Amino acid sequence: YTCILQGAREAPISNTPVKYIELYKRCWETEPDLRPSISEIVVRLSTMRLKPVYNPPSQLPENSRNLNALLSSISTGHNPTLIFDENLAVPWKPNNEMPPDYGTCKYGHKFTDVEWCSKCEARNFCEDFYMWSSGDQQLDELIKESQLNATNVSNYIEWIKLDQFKDFKIIKEGEFSTVISAIWRDGPREVWDEESSRWEGASNTKVVGRFLKVYESDISTLLKEVKLHLCCDKVIRCYGVTFAPTYNYGLVLKNTSYGNLHNFINQRAFIGWWQKLKILEGIILGLNQIHLKAGYIHRDLHSGNILIDQDELSASVLSACISDFEFSIPIGSDVSKSQFNSADRKVRRRRIKKALPIITSDHIEIDLLRSISIKYNSTEFKFDEDDLLLNSSV
């Protein structure tokens, strides 16, 4: 720690990408306001497409393989794996919590996020409005509104034509929805191209299409789900909406690495404590946004609607996110436990026939930590949303 205060920093390993070196050197800045935010780091790392670089111990300097030699070399400043910069040996100053400065675009407009100019992007979106239509005016307006108000690369949706997809595969054919996996040819715009200074699509991205059968007669459920996705960034990512003649309108969602919680736990003999806590954290953050930010309750929260993904920065870390808002309603709606619409009653009857237990948020925590939450008869548990909403632990 003392050496760090004196200006000691890690020297770049050979073959380290230049952009990566530039990024981590910015993290060394003594002034907090000059350091990149965690969101900028995540975006930049995800667009670098880095390849792993491994140096076996035999190739490391002798004084880096032995702890005592390493400490000695650091104290004397003679370690080839370190660099010393007097300009970095400055006492840390408290951060005043000022909003990050992402810089400006070539027209002088301030970026609202990493390489994102809301004004320029809104203009670009407007130029393409005449090139597409979902066939429903309300949906068109919702998509356009999200694009005109987008403040970063991921908080808007788009209309995605069916011919953009290939390699269709039915994952699940249910009573109320059909879930399909496919490859999106152009992919979501999430790769930053330094040469053209614009966001490009991550081509051939695997996605999931969720087509609800209630859309056939009423598009209001679709609009509600889209709005919830736009409002909450701690739930499963929604890229946009598409239309398939066989299935009607469908949401195009991010494909998660491990599927739902039900399958994830059943396929694993052991889950570490840190991973369990990360899963619980994801569930809590998602519910917090749904309840407090969007003002909704989920009402159909079970292990099949909790998706497990790989963390953006570490393959060994898990993240969890909530999906499926078909039965969600605003908090305070005039709907009691004995008052459900026909679709709700069907769901309840289906679950009662399977004798599925109702468990509260306390059980979510305890059972997940024991890794037994959904192994009973290979069924999916139903979480009581009223208990979740009122329980202080969530």
Foldseek 3Di string as FASTA:
>chain_A
DVLVLQAKDFDDDPPDDPVVVVLVVQCLDLAPLSHDDPVLVLLVVLQVPDDDDDDPPVRADPLVNDPVSVVVCSVVVNHPRIDGDNNSNDDHDDDPPDDHFQDADPVRAGQLDNLHRLVVQLVVVVVCLVVDDQPDPVQSVQQNVQRNPDRDQALGADEAEPVQWDDWDWDDDDPFKTKIKTWGAQARQRHQDPVVSGTGHPGRAIWMKIFTQVCVPPCVLVVVQSVLLSQDVLAWGWHYWYQDPVRGIITITHDADQAFQLRNLVVDPDDDPQQLVQAVVSVVSQQCCQCPRVQKFQQWDKRNQKTKHADSPDNVHIHIHGDDRSQMDGPPPPADPVRDPPVSVVVVVVCVVVVADEDEPVCVSVCSSVSNSQVDVSDMHTYGRVRHVPPPVD
